[in-house]
Amino acid sequence: MVNIISLIIPVLAGLLILKLVLSQIGCIWKIVANSLSGFVCLWLLNLLSGFTGILLPINLVTCLITGFLGVPGIILLVLGQLL
């Protein structure tokens, strides 16, 4: 009985650690996807800046905002530029 309990506890702890690691990987992939979509939107917006008159630099701050917020971050940056 003691051998079974001493085997179950490390297995459960390992499964818990694995679940925590996998949940963090999902969060990282979401930030990467938001960053890529935000970068593409920034690039397209800068490409069309001759027509729109809005030019947002692609730097660390704008990339971080678009990385965490995605396309709504682009909208926030454009509204900030217009004010």
Protein backbone atom coordinates (compact mmCIF):
# COMPACT_ATOMS: atom_id res chain seq x y z
CA MET A 1 0.00 0.00 0.00
CA VAL A 2 2.80 2.43 0.88
CA ASN A 3 4.61 1.58 -2.38
CA ILE A 4 1.53 2.44 -4.44
CA ILE A 5 1.05 5.79 -2.68
CA SER A 6 4.74 6.61 -3.04
CA LEU A 7 4.39 5.94 -6.77
CA ILE A 8 1.13 7.86 -7.31
CA ILE A 9 2.28 11.13 -5.71
CA PRO A 10 5.26 11.74 -8.08
CA VAL A 11 3.14 10.76 -11.08
CA LEU A 12 0.42 13.25 -10.13
CA ALA A 13 3.03 15.95 -9.48
CA GLY A 14 4.57 15.27 -12.90
CA LEU A 15 1.18 15.50 -14.60
CA LEU A 16 0.49 18.81 -12.85
CA ILE A 17 3.84 20.24 -13.95
CA LEU A 18 3.24 19.02 -17.51
CA LYS A 19 -0.19 20.67 -17.57
CA LEU A 20 1.30 23.96 -16.37
CA VAL A 21 4.04 23.90 -18.99
CA LEU A 22 1.61 23.08 -21.82
CA SER A 23 -0.78 25.85 -20.80
CA GLN A 24 2.08 28.37 -20.94
CA ILE A 25 3.06 27.19 -24.41
CA GLY A 26 -0.47 27.94 -25.61
CA CYS A 27 -0.17 31.46 -24.24
CA ILE A 28 3.15 31.96 -26.03
CA TRP A 29 1.66 30.81 -29.34
CA LYS A 30 -1.21 33.28 -28.90
CA ILE A 31 1.23 36.15 -28.37
CA VAL A 32 3.25 35.06 -31.43
CA ALA A 33 0.10 34.92 -33.58
CA ASN A 34 -1.02 38.35 -32.33
CA SER A 35 2.44 39.76 -32.98
CA LEU A 36 2.50 38.45 -36.54
CA SER A 37 -0.98 39.73 -37.34
CA GLY A 38 -0.16 43.08 -35.74
CA PHE A 39 3.10 43.35 -37.68
CA VAL A 40 1.31 42.64 -40.95
CA CYS A 41 -1.31 45.27 -40.13
CA LEU A 42 1.39 47.80 -39.23
CA TRP A 43 3.22 47.05 -42.44
CA LEU A 44 0.05 47.40 -44.53
CA LEU A 45 -0.88 50.62 -42.75
CA ASN A 46 2.59 52.05 -43.41
CA LEU A 47 2.41 50.84 -47.00
CA LEU A 48 -0.84 52.76 -47.47
CA SER A 49 0.32 55.81 -45.51
CA GLY A 50 0.41 57.87 -48.70
CA PHE A 51 -3.36 57.43 -48.98
CA THR A 52 -4.27 57.47 -45.29
CA GLY A 53 -1.75 59.96 -43.91
CA ILE A 54 -1.17 57.72 -40.89
CA LEU A 55 2.38 56.49 -40.34
CA LEU A 56 3.13 54.27 -37.36
CA PRO A 57 6.76 53.30 -36.80
CA ILE A 58 7.56 49.63 -36.37
CA ASN A 59 9.59 49.67 -33.15
CA LEU A 60 9.70 47.84 -29.83
CA VAL A 61 6.77 49.71 -28.28
CA THR A 62 4.39 49.29 -31.20
CA CYS A 63 5.38 45.63 -31.58
CA LEU A 64 4.74 44.98 -27.88
CA ILE A 65 1.35 46.68 -28.02
CA THR A 66 0.34 44.71 -31.08
CA GLY A 67 1.83 41.53 -29.59
CA PHE A 68 -0.34 41.68 -26.50
CA LEU A 69 -3.46 43.24 -28.01
CA GLY A 70 -3.32 42.16 -31.65
CA VAL A 71 -5.47 44.05 -34.14
CA PRO A 72 -7.25 46.05 -31.38
CA GLY A 73 -3.77 47.30 -30.49
CA ILE A 74 -3.40 48.63 -34.02
CA ILE A 75 -6.70 50.46 -33.65
CA LEU A 76 -5.50 51.88 -30.33
CA LEU A 77 -2.26 53.09 -31.90
CA VAL A 78 -4.10 54.70 -34.81
CA LEU A 79 -6.49 56.48 -32.44
CA GLY A 80 -3.52 57.67 -30.42
CA GLN A 81 -1.89 58.97 -33.60
CA LEU A 82 -5.04 60.83 -34.62
CA LEU A 83 -5.35 62.58 -31.27
